[in-house]
Protein backbone atom coordinates (compact mmCIF):
# COMPACT_ATOMS: atom_id res chain seq x y z
CA MET A 1 269.29 -106.49 45.53
CA SER A 2 270.56 -104.45 48.41
CA LEU A 3 270.75 -100.66 48.12
CA PRO A 4 274.22 -99.19 48.92
CA ALA A 5 274.58 -97.88 52.45
CA VAL A 6 274.29 -94.10 52.70
CA PRO A 7 275.59 -92.51 55.87
CA ARG A 8 273.08 -90.28 57.56
CA ALA A 9 275.39 -87.31 57.49
CA ARG A 10 275.37 -87.41 53.58
CA ALA A 11 271.74 -88.03 53.19
CA ALA A 12 269.91 -85.32 51.22
CA VAL A 13 267.55 -83.03 53.11
CA THR A 14 264.19 -82.32 51.34
CA GLU A 15 261.14 -80.34 52.24
CA GLU A 16 257.56 -81.23 51.75
CA ARG A 17 254.22 -79.40 52.24
CA HIS A 18 250.96 -81.18 53.16
CA ARG A 19 247.63 -80.13 54.54
CA ALA A 20 247.56 -82.98 57.14
CA VAL A 21 250.17 -85.41 58.39
CA VAL A 22 249.41 -88.65 60.35
CA VAL A 23 252.30 -90.17 62.21
CA GLY A 24 251.66 -94.01 62.57
CA SER A 25 249.24 -96.28 60.62
CA GLY A 26 247.81 -98.50 63.57
CA PHE A 27 244.31 -98.16 64.86
CA GLY A 28 244.30 -94.48 65.68
CA GLY A 29 246.36 -93.36 62.74
CA ALA A 30 244.46 -95.41 60.22
CA ILE A 31 241.01 -94.51 61.48
CA THR A 32 241.89 -90.78 61.58
CA ALA A 33 243.31 -91.04 58.06
CA MET A 34 240.10 -92.53 56.61
CA HIS A 35 237.98 -89.85 58.03
CA LEU A 36 240.19 -87.11 56.86
CA GLY A 37 240.29 -88.65 53.45
CA ARG A 38 236.51 -88.88 53.34
CA ALA A 39 236.44 -85.20 54.24
CA GLY A 40 238.53 -84.40 51.15
CA VAL A 41 241.64 -83.56 53.21
CA GLN A 42 244.89 -84.40 51.55
CA THR A 43 246.67 -86.47 54.08
CA LEU A 44 250.08 -88.05 54.25
CA VAL A 45 250.47 -90.97 56.61
CA LEU A 46 254.07 -91.65 57.76
CA GLU A 47 254.91 -95.37 58.83
CA ARG A 48 258.42 -96.52 59.83
CA GLY A 49 257.84 -100.07 58.93
CA ILE A 50 256.99 -101.89 55.65
CA ARG A 51 253.92 -103.32 54.12
CA TRP A 52 253.17 -106.93 54.93
CA PRO A 53 250.80 -108.15 52.16
CA THR A 54 249.42 -111.71 52.87
CA GLY A 55 247.02 -114.16 51.56
CA PRO A 56 246.18 -117.76 51.41
CA ASN A 57 249.27 -119.97 51.90
CA ALA A 58 251.59 -117.01 52.03
CA ASP A 59 254.89 -116.87 53.90
CA THR A 60 254.75 -113.19 54.76
CA PHE A 61 255.12 -113.47 58.49
CA PRO A 62 257.71 -115.56 60.48
CA ARG A 63 256.97 -118.43 62.77
CA MET A 64 257.46 -117.94 66.50
CA LEU A 65 259.98 -120.93 67.00
CA SER A 66 261.96 -120.22 63.71
CA PRO A 67 263.67 -116.96 64.22
CA ASP A 68 264.47 -114.69 61.19
CA LYS A 69 265.09 -111.05 60.58
CA ARG A 70 261.40 -110.31 59.98
CA MET A 71 260.63 -110.66 63.68
CA SER A 72 262.19 -107.54 65.17
CA TRP A 73 262.56 -103.82 64.44
CA LEU A 74 266.25 -103.03 63.75
CA SER A 75 267.46 -105.69 66.33
CA PRO A 76 269.97 -108.51 65.65
CA ILE A 77 268.07 -110.90 67.95
CA PRO A 78 264.31 -111.49 68.46
CA VAL A 79 262.87 -109.16 71.14
CA MET A 80 259.78 -111.25 72.22
CA THR A 81 259.73 -113.56 75.17
CA GLY A 82 259.68 -117.36 74.20
CA THR A 83 261.32 -116.89 70.79
CA PRO A 84 264.73 -118.56 70.67
CA PRO A 85 267.43 -115.75 70.79
CA VAL A 86 269.18 -116.72 67.50
CA PRO A 87 271.05 -113.83 65.83
CA THR A 88 269.69 -112.52 62.59
CA GLU A 89 270.25 -109.56 60.07
CA VAL A 90 269.13 -106.26 61.10
CA PHE A 91 265.77 -105.51 59.43
CA THR A 92 262.73 -103.21 59.68
CA GLY A 93 260.77 -106.08 61.28
CA LEU A 94 257.39 -106.37 63.00
CA MET A 95 258.11 -105.82 66.67
CA GLU A 96 260.17 -103.25 68.57
CA ARG A 97 261.14 -103.56 72.21
CA VAL A 98 261.21 -100.09 73.86
CA ARG A 99 263.37 -100.51 77.10
CA GLY A 100 262.22 -98.82 80.16
CA ASN A 101 263.07 -98.66 83.81
CA GLY A 102 260.95 -101.31 85.52
CA MET A 103 258.93 -102.14 82.33
CA ASP A 104 259.57 -102.75 78.67
CA ILE A 105 257.09 -102.19 75.83
CA LEU A 106 256.54 -104.54 72.82
CA CYS A 107 254.96 -102.55 70.07
CA GLY A 108 254.35 -103.19 66.37
CA ALA A 109 256.08 -101.76 63.32
CA GLY A 110 254.76 -101.94 59.73
CA VAL A 111 251.68 -100.56 57.78
CA GLY A 112 248.90 -101.55 60.17
CA GLY A 113 250.87 -101.04 63.26
CA SER A 114 250.25 -103.50 66.11
CA SER A 115 247.09 -104.67 64.37
CA LEU A 116 249.37 -107.05 62.42
CA THR A 117 250.64 -108.83 65.39
CA TYR A 118 247.67 -108.72 67.94
CA HIS A 119 245.42 -111.72 68.23
CA GLY A 120 242.36 -110.02 67.08
CA MET A 121 240.53 -109.82 70.46
CA THR A 122 237.95 -106.98 70.02
CA LEU A 123 236.37 -106.32 73.45
CA GLN A 124 234.21 -103.53 74.68
CA PRO A 125 234.31 -102.49 78.34
CA ASP A 126 231.09 -101.73 80.09
CA ALA A 127 230.06 -98.22 81.15
CA GLU A 128 231.32 -98.49 84.65
CA ARG A 129 234.79 -99.77 83.76
CA PHE A 130 235.02 -97.25 80.96
CA ALA A 131 234.25 -94.37 83.34
CA ARG A 132 236.73 -95.57 85.94
CA SER A 133 239.58 -96.35 83.73
CA VAL A 134 239.24 -94.25 80.40
CA SER A 135 237.10 -91.12 81.02
CA SER A 136 234.02 -90.21 83.07
CA ARG A 137 233.39 -87.16 80.90
CA ILE A 138 233.02 -88.82 77.46
CA ASP A 139 229.44 -89.86 76.78
CA TYR A 140 229.64 -93.67 77.00
CA GLY A 141 226.07 -94.04 75.75
CA LEU A 142 227.03 -92.40 72.50
CA LEU A 143 230.06 -94.49 72.03
CA ASP A 144 228.00 -97.62 72.77
CA ALA A 145 225.39 -96.63 70.25
CA GLU A 146 227.53 -95.34 67.47
CA HIS A 147 231.38 -95.64 67.62
CA TYR A 148 231.89 -99.16 69.23
CA PRO A 149 229.49 -100.59 66.68
CA ARG A 150 231.21 -98.88 63.80
CA VAL A 151 234.43 -100.70 64.87
CA ALA A 152 232.70 -104.06 65.13
CA ARG A 153 231.24 -103.70 61.66
CA MET A 154 234.59 -102.54 60.12
CA LEU A 155 236.59 -105.34 61.76
CA HIS A 156 233.86 -108.03 61.07
CA ILE A 157 234.15 -109.40 64.60
CA ALA A 158 232.89 -112.87 65.26
CA PRO A 159 233.38 -115.44 68.09
CA ILE A 160 234.80 -118.88 67.48
CA PRO A 161 232.04 -121.04 66.01
CA ASP A 162 230.91 -124.35 67.51
CA ASP A 163 232.50 -126.64 64.80
CA VAL A 164 236.08 -125.04 65.16
CA LEU A 165 235.90 -124.94 68.95
CA MET A 166 234.96 -128.63 69.12
CA HIS A 167 238.06 -129.64 66.90
CA GLU A 168 240.91 -131.49 68.50
CA ARG A 169 243.15 -128.51 67.99
CA TYR A 170 241.08 -126.32 70.41
CA ARG A 171 241.17 -128.90 73.25
CA SER A 172 242.96 -126.36 75.55
CA SER A 173 240.31 -123.75 74.88
CA ARG A 174 237.62 -126.13 75.77
CA GLN A 175 239.32 -127.25 78.98
CA PHE A 176 239.73 -123.60 80.09
CA LEU A 177 236.05 -122.98 79.56
CA ASP A 178 235.11 -126.10 81.45
CA ARG A 179 237.39 -125.42 84.49
CA ALA A 180 236.46 -121.70 84.78
CA ALA A 181 232.76 -122.52 84.58
CA ALA A 182 233.17 -125.26 87.27
CA GLU A 183 234.64 -122.52 89.53
CA GLY A 184 231.63 -120.38 89.01
CA TYR A 185 233.16 -117.84 86.76
CA GLU A 186 231.48 -116.05 83.83
CA THR A 187 232.98 -117.66 80.72
CA PHE A 188 232.67 -116.32 77.14
CA ARG A 189 233.87 -116.69 73.58
CA VAL A 190 235.96 -113.59 72.60
CA PRO A 191 234.70 -111.52 69.63
CA MET A 192 237.65 -111.71 67.11
CA SER A 193 238.47 -109.62 64.05
CA ILE A 194 239.02 -112.76 61.92
CA ASP A 195 237.07 -114.77 59.18
CA TRP A 196 236.85 -118.20 60.83
CA ASP A 197 236.46 -119.84 57.46
CA TYR A 198 240.18 -119.49 57.18
CA ALA A 199 240.60 -121.72 60.19
CA ARG A 200 238.09 -124.23 58.80
CA ARG A 201 240.10 -124.44 55.56
CA GLU A 202 243.26 -124.99 57.67
CA LEU A 203 241.48 -127.87 59.46
CA THR A 204 240.49 -129.52 56.34
CA GLY A 205 244.03 -129.31 54.86
CA GLU A 206 243.16 -126.71 52.18
CA LEU A 207 245.52 -124.19 53.71
CA LYS A 208 248.80 -124.48 55.63
CA PRO A 209 248.08 -124.16 59.29
CA SER A 210 248.58 -120.80 61.11
CA TYR A 211 245.52 -120.02 63.18
CA THR A 212 244.95 -123.52 64.09
CA THR A 213 248.52 -124.12 65.37
CA GLY A 214 248.39 -120.96 67.50
CA ASP A 215 251.28 -119.49 65.43
CA VAL A 216 249.81 -115.98 65.16
CA ILE A 217 251.94 -113.65 67.31
CA TYR A 218 254.01 -112.46 64.41
CA GLY A 219 250.90 -112.21 61.98
CA VAL A 220 248.62 -114.65 60.17
CA ASN A 221 250.00 -115.88 56.81
CA ASN A 222 246.66 -117.12 55.42
CA GLY A 223 244.90 -113.77 55.63
CA GLY A 224 241.38 -113.55 56.89
CA LYS A 225 242.48 -111.26 59.57
CA PHE A 226 240.85 -107.87 59.51
CA SER A 227 243.83 -105.83 60.61
CA VAL A 228 243.78 -102.12 59.92
CA ASP A 229 245.88 -102.20 56.92
CA VAL A 230 243.23 -104.24 55.01
CA THR A 231 240.20 -102.40 56.52
CA TYR A 232 240.52 -98.74 57.72
CA LEU A 233 243.79 -97.89 55.95
CA ALA A 234 242.50 -99.50 52.65
CA ALA A 235 239.46 -97.41 52.95
CA ALA A 236 241.56 -94.25 53.59
CA GLU A 237 243.60 -94.92 50.51
CA ALA A 238 240.52 -95.56 48.41
CA THR A 239 239.44 -92.04 48.85
CA GLY A 240 242.36 -90.81 46.75
CA ALA A 241 243.13 -88.18 49.30
CA VAL A 242 245.36 -90.30 51.52
CA HIS A 243 248.95 -91.32 50.73
CA VAL A 244 251.00 -93.84 52.86
CA GLU A 245 254.63 -93.56 52.96
CA PRO A 246 256.30 -96.67 54.62
CA LEU A 247 259.89 -96.78 55.83
CA HIS A 248 259.63 -93.06 57.18
CA ARG A 249 260.91 -92.93 60.74
CA VAL A 250 259.87 -89.76 62.50
CA ASN A 251 262.52 -88.36 64.86
CA ASP A 252 261.09 -84.94 66.07
CA ILE A 253 258.10 -82.80 65.76
CA GLU A 254 258.23 -79.01 65.98
CA ARG A 255 255.94 -75.95 65.84
CA ALA A 256 257.03 -73.35 63.35
CA ALA A 257 256.86 -69.54 64.14
CA ASP A 258 253.82 -69.25 61.79
CA GLY A 259 252.03 -71.98 63.69
CA THR A 260 252.36 -74.78 61.18
CA TRP A 261 253.80 -78.12 62.22
CA ILE A 262 257.22 -79.47 61.16
CA THR A 263 257.84 -83.21 61.16
CA HIS A 264 261.45 -84.30 60.97
CA ALA A 265 261.53 -87.65 59.40
CA ASP A 266 264.20 -90.13 57.87
CA ARG A 267 263.34 -92.16 54.77
CA ILE A 268 265.24 -95.43 55.61
CA HIS A 269 266.39 -98.60 54.01
CA THR A 270 265.21 -101.88 55.50
CA ASP A 271 268.58 -102.16 57.22
CA GLY A 272 267.96 -98.81 58.98
CA THR A 273 270.35 -96.86 56.80
CA VAL A 274 269.05 -93.26 56.25
CA LEU A 275 268.52 -92.60 52.60
CA GLU A 276 266.93 -89.11 52.91
CA ARG A 277 266.21 -86.69 55.58
CA LYS A 278 262.85 -84.89 55.29
CA ARG A 279 261.36 -81.71 56.81
CA ILE A 280 257.55 -82.10 56.34
CA VAL A 281 255.38 -78.99 56.91
CA SER A 282 251.77 -79.30 57.61
CA ASP A 283 248.72 -77.33 58.94
CA ALA A 284 247.56 -80.24 61.28
CA LEU A 285 249.67 -82.97 62.66
CA PHE A 286 247.97 -86.11 64.05
CA LEU A 287 250.08 -88.41 66.43
CA GLY A 288 249.17 -92.02 66.08
CA ALA A 289 252.51 -93.64 66.78
CA GLY A 290 251.22 -95.64 69.76
CA SER A 291 251.57 -94.81 73.39
CA ALA A 292 255.38 -95.19 73.41
CA GLY A 293 255.87 -93.44 70.05
CA THR A 294 253.62 -90.55 70.58
CA THR A 295 254.71 -89.93 74.17
CA ARG A 296 258.35 -89.94 73.19
CA LEU A 297 257.72 -87.47 70.44
CA LEU A 298 255.87 -85.13 72.61
CA LEU A 299 258.32 -85.33 75.54
CA LYS A 300 261.37 -84.73 73.27
CA ALA A 301 259.63 -81.69 71.81
CA HIS A 302 258.71 -80.49 75.25
CA ALA A 303 262.19 -80.83 76.71
CA LYS A 304 264.03 -79.39 73.69
CA ARG A 305 261.45 -76.53 73.31
CA LEU A 306 260.58 -77.54 69.85
CA ILE A 307 257.10 -76.95 70.98
CA THR A 308 256.54 -74.48 73.70
CA ASP A 309 253.65 -74.43 76.17
CA LEU A 310 252.87 -78.19 75.95
CA PRO A 311 250.96 -79.34 79.03
CA ASP A 312 253.03 -80.19 82.03
CA ALA A 313 251.25 -83.65 82.18
CA VAL A 314 252.88 -84.84 78.94
CA GLY A 315 254.68 -88.20 79.89
CA THR A 316 252.16 -89.04 82.75
CA GLY A 317 249.28 -91.37 83.19
CA TRP A 318 250.97 -94.35 81.76
CA GLY A 319 249.89 -98.00 82.51
CA ASN A 320 250.30 -101.50 81.17
CA ASN A 321 246.57 -102.32 81.11
CA GLY A 322 247.16 -104.75 83.98
CA ASP A 323 248.79 -107.39 81.60
CA ARG A 324 250.19 -110.51 83.06
CA VAL A 325 251.15 -113.81 81.23
CA TYR A 326 251.49 -117.12 82.80
CA SER A 327 252.90 -120.39 81.59
CA VAL A 328 250.89 -123.29 83.01
CA THR A 329 251.90 -126.98 83.02
CA THR A 330 249.28 -129.34 84.53
CA PRO A 331 250.26 -133.02 85.18
CA LEU A 332 247.84 -135.58 83.66
CA VAL A 333 246.06 -132.83 81.73
CA SER A 334 246.82 -132.80 77.88
CA PRO A 335 246.21 -129.48 76.14
CA GLY A 336 247.52 -130.83 72.95
CA ALA A 337 250.23 -129.90 70.54
CA PHE A 338 249.97 -127.02 68.24
CA GLN A 339 247.21 -125.49 70.33
CA GLY A 340 244.52 -123.76 68.08
CA GLY A 341 244.26 -120.05 68.33
CA PRO A 342 244.08 -117.03 68.42
CA ALA A 343 243.18 -116.25 72.09
CA CYS A 344 239.52 -116.94 71.66
CA VAL A 345 238.01 -117.86 75.02
CA GLY A 346 237.98 -116.22 78.41
CA MET A 347 236.40 -115.48 81.84
CA ARG A 348 235.47 -112.35 83.73
CA ASP A 349 235.46 -111.57 87.41
CA SER A 350 234.66 -108.27 89.09
CA SER A 351 234.44 -109.51 92.68
CA ASP A 352 237.96 -108.72 93.84
CA PRO A 353 238.71 -105.50 95.82
CA ALA A 354 241.69 -105.16 93.39
CA GLY A 355 239.13 -104.43 90.58
CA ALA A 356 237.57 -106.13 87.58
CA LEU A 357 239.87 -108.57 85.70
CA MET A 358 239.67 -110.78 82.60
CA ILE A 359 241.59 -114.00 81.87
CA VAL A 360 241.97 -115.49 78.56
CA THR A 361 243.69 -118.51 77.01
CA GLY A 362 246.89 -118.04 75.08
CA PRO A 363 247.54 -121.05 72.92
CA VAL A 364 251.20 -121.85 72.14
CA PRO A 365 252.57 -123.30 68.89
CA PHE A 366 254.47 -126.13 70.39
CA PRO A 367 255.10 -129.12 68.07
CA ALA A 368 254.66 -131.52 70.94
CA ASP A 369 252.18 -131.92 73.87
CA ILE A 370 254.22 -131.20 76.89
CA GLY A 371 251.28 -130.31 79.16
CA THR A 372 251.86 -126.67 78.87
CA THR A 373 249.69 -123.77 77.71
CA SER A 374 249.60 -119.98 78.48
CA ILE A 375 247.05 -117.97 80.21
CA ILE A 376 246.79 -114.22 80.07
CA GLY A 377 245.22 -111.85 82.63
CA LEU A 378 244.49 -108.17 82.41
CA GLY A 379 242.58 -105.61 84.45
CA VAL A 380 242.14 -102.11 85.69
CA VAL A 381 245.29 -100.37 86.79
CA PRO A 382 245.88 -96.61 87.65
CA GLY A 383 248.11 -94.75 85.17
CA GLN A 384 250.90 -94.11 87.57
CA GLY A 385 253.89 -94.67 85.17
CA ARG A 386 255.72 -91.64 83.97
CA TRP A 387 258.19 -90.83 81.18
CA HIS A 388 261.28 -88.84 81.54
CA TYR A 389 263.52 -87.16 79.09
CA ASP A 390 267.14 -88.37 78.87
CA ALA A 391 269.22 -85.86 77.17
CA GLY A 392 272.17 -88.26 76.74
CA ARG A 393 269.82 -90.58 74.65
CA ASP A 394 267.86 -87.72 73.20
CA ASP A 395 264.75 -89.94 74.12
CA ALA A 396 262.09 -90.40 76.69
CA VAL A 397 262.39 -93.34 79.04
CA LEU A 398 259.45 -94.98 80.81
CA GLN A 399 259.56 -95.33 84.68
CA TRP A 400 257.51 -98.04 86.19
CA ASP A 401 257.22 -99.66 89.59
CA GLN A 402 255.93 -103.23 90.02
CA ALA A 403 254.07 -102.10 93.09
CA PHE A 404 251.63 -100.15 90.76
CA ASP A 405 249.95 -103.36 89.60
CA ARG A 406 250.85 -105.73 92.42
CA ASN A 407 247.42 -106.17 93.95
CA LEU A 408 245.86 -106.82 90.47
CA THR A 409 248.68 -109.47 89.71
CA ARG A 410 247.86 -111.29 92.91
CA ALA A 411 244.08 -111.32 92.10
CA ILE A 412 244.87 -112.60 88.58
CA GLU A 413 247.13 -115.30 89.87
CA THR A 414 244.68 -116.36 92.39
CA ARG A 415 241.95 -116.86 89.78
CA ILE A 416 244.22 -118.74 87.48
CA ARG A 417 245.30 -121.12 90.34
CA ARG A 418 241.59 -121.81 91.01
CA ILE A 419 240.98 -122.69 87.45
CA VAL A 420 244.13 -124.84 86.83
CA GLY A 421 244.10 -126.61 90.10
CA PRO A 422 246.67 -126.81 93.08
CA ILE A 423 249.18 -129.29 91.46
CA ALA A 424 249.69 -127.23 88.22
CA VAL A 425 253.06 -125.63 87.85
CA MET A 426 252.61 -121.77 87.11
CA VAL A 427 255.38 -119.56 85.83
CA ASP A 428 254.78 -115.76 85.92
CA VAL A 429 256.46 -114.87 82.59
CA ASN A 430 256.34 -111.22 83.36
CA ALA A 431 258.22 -111.66 86.52
CA VAL A 432 261.07 -113.19 84.45
CA ASP A 433 260.78 -110.81 81.53
CA ILE A 434 258.82 -107.68 82.47
CA ASN A 435 256.99 -106.28 79.44
CA THR A 436 253.68 -105.35 78.02
CA PHE A 437 251.95 -105.52 74.57
CA HIS A 438 249.29 -102.98 75.70
CA PRO A 439 250.96 -99.69 76.53
CA LEU A 440 248.43 -96.94 77.34
CA GLY A 441 248.88 -93.36 78.34
CA GLY A 442 251.59 -90.55 78.27
CA ALA A 443 249.28 -87.91 76.89
CA PRO A 444 246.17 -88.59 79.00
CA LEU A 445 242.67 -87.21 78.31
CA GLY A 446 241.78 -84.14 80.42
CA THR A 447 245.35 -83.13 81.36
CA VAL A 448 247.05 -83.21 77.92
CA CYS A 449 244.32 -83.39 75.34
CA ASP A 450 240.53 -82.88 75.06
CA ASP A 451 237.91 -85.68 74.58
CA ALA A 452 238.54 -85.65 70.64
CA GLY A 453 242.43 -85.71 71.14
CA ARG A 454 243.25 -82.01 70.70
CA ILE A 455 246.28 -81.14 72.56
CA LEU A 456 245.53 -78.34 74.97
CA GLY A 457 246.83 -74.98 73.85
CA GLN A 458 248.17 -76.26 70.54
CA ARG A 459 246.17 -75.45 67.41
CA GLY A 460 246.12 -78.19 64.92
CA LEU A 461 248.06 -80.84 67.03
CA TYR A 462 246.22 -84.00 67.90
CA VAL A 463 246.77 -87.34 69.73
CA VAL A 464 244.64 -90.15 68.18
CA ASP A 465 246.00 -93.43 69.76
CA GLY A 466 246.31 -95.19 73.01
CA ALA A 467 248.60 -92.46 74.43
CA LYS A 468 245.47 -90.60 75.54
CA VAL A 469 244.04 -93.51 77.63
CA PRO A 470 245.26 -93.27 81.23
CA GLY A 471 246.55 -96.81 81.95
CA SER A 472 243.95 -99.22 81.12
CA THR A 473 240.79 -99.85 79.13
CA GLY A 474 238.32 -101.51 81.76
CA ALA A 475 239.65 -105.14 82.01
CA CYS A 476 239.66 -105.52 78.21
CA ASN A 477 242.45 -105.48 75.62
CA PRO A 478 242.69 -101.95 74.24
CA SER A 479 242.25 -102.24 70.59
CA MET A 480 238.43 -101.70 70.41
CA THR A 481 238.54 -98.76 72.71
CA ILE A 482 241.36 -97.06 71.06
CA ALA A 483 239.54 -97.62 67.90
CA ALA A 484 236.16 -96.22 69.20
CA LEU A 485 237.83 -93.17 70.70
CA ALA A 486 239.55 -92.44 67.32
CA GLU A 487 236.15 -92.72 65.57
CA PHE A 488 234.60 -90.45 68.16
CA GLY A 489 237.44 -87.97 67.89
CA ALA A 490 237.52 -87.97 64.13
CA ASP A 491 233.82 -87.16 64.03
CA ASP A 492 234.37 -84.01 66.22
CA ILE A 493 237.64 -83.00 64.42
CA VAL A 494 236.10 -83.27 60.96
CA ARG A 495 232.95 -81.34 62.05
CA ARG A 496 234.62 -78.52 63.89
CA ASP A 497 238.30 -78.27 62.60
CA VAL A 498 238.24 -79.02 58.90
CA GLY A 499 238.13 -75.84 57.10
CA THR A 500 238.90 -73.66 60.03
CA VAL A 501 241.92 -75.05 61.91
CA PHE A 502 243.34 -76.72 58.80
């Protein structure tokens, strides 16, 4: 039954007091909350979206080609490219589109953040790429020995097994591997944070298909995906010290005169109606709302002087991780209908002057074989994007120029053309609809925060997500590096700040 609408102006204002507050429940927020909980720190996690419990043969998540209200965050139409633009009810759905000048961002909403909707690719850059694109100061050897392996264990990563890859549903993946290898490229199977037994059970008919039809962009209904809500966040809540509050949208953050932190949040209904306004006071505040969410909160606080003396570099160092998506149709080649997923095979190339790049398959859930599949490229780009505060909107807006990644785009397109052949029809999807799933930067390491994520000059204020990564993560998708940096930062913060700063 729907709750009655309550206008925001009439919503009650309440005040709460907590030792630590974490904004956002994706990779950075969930990992930080787990470490705080294990250290005995009473911690409140604020998440704007809802919980999405799933399991075998569930219907938790929507299907890409069957639009409904669950797809989008408070939008009357789906916001993702390729989904039919059919009007729906407004709902606190899975994906928000943050509009920018020159680039839009697609980011997750819900307990677990973007880990709910990402394919599960869990890739680690090498030392050279990490130093070039993330940080030359952080000890990569330590990350490689300790923090990346922690993430791999927690997410139970595994590549696609032979028996699944050889199934007819994965024909397009095998075709990609064969063609890329024939061109002399290094091919590989992507480490994935999924239990492949679920895919096997789909292929035998025990479970309704989701993985094996490529219908995973809005989440996997059968479970078996080790998203952070069922891994890190579950471990955080198991400590008894961490409490997660869904449907809490953070609007502003502020530093009080006594040095404590104030988080201004609305408790909302699933239609976006404000039910309660909250003023949440804490000794420590951890920003894990993703690159877009964290950057917007910081830049708003800076512009409105809610926090004085924030570093001038807030809002800088933003990049799209070199993302590029292509739709490829090849005459006389049949990739199959309902192409099996997630994006589980790829190739690497470091020979181009534009820098290292990676290309992976992107299976599509088409019910018929029309000779079409998708291919995704990513690489190293400089963090040249910048956010600016718009007083009329009371929000920060991204500014991006397509010239920033043009050379990389050309290199990706050249490699894909070699793989798919000269007669294939390639459509640059991002030239038609300019967006990214992998926003990075806005509060970069070194100029806004230290290696652990402490914001410079601000005692008890931290960045724990992709906002601190300046533009790209070494020709890999970002999730594993964001997670490893969160593990690394949490170690240092628990060791040095718990009991002293908060």
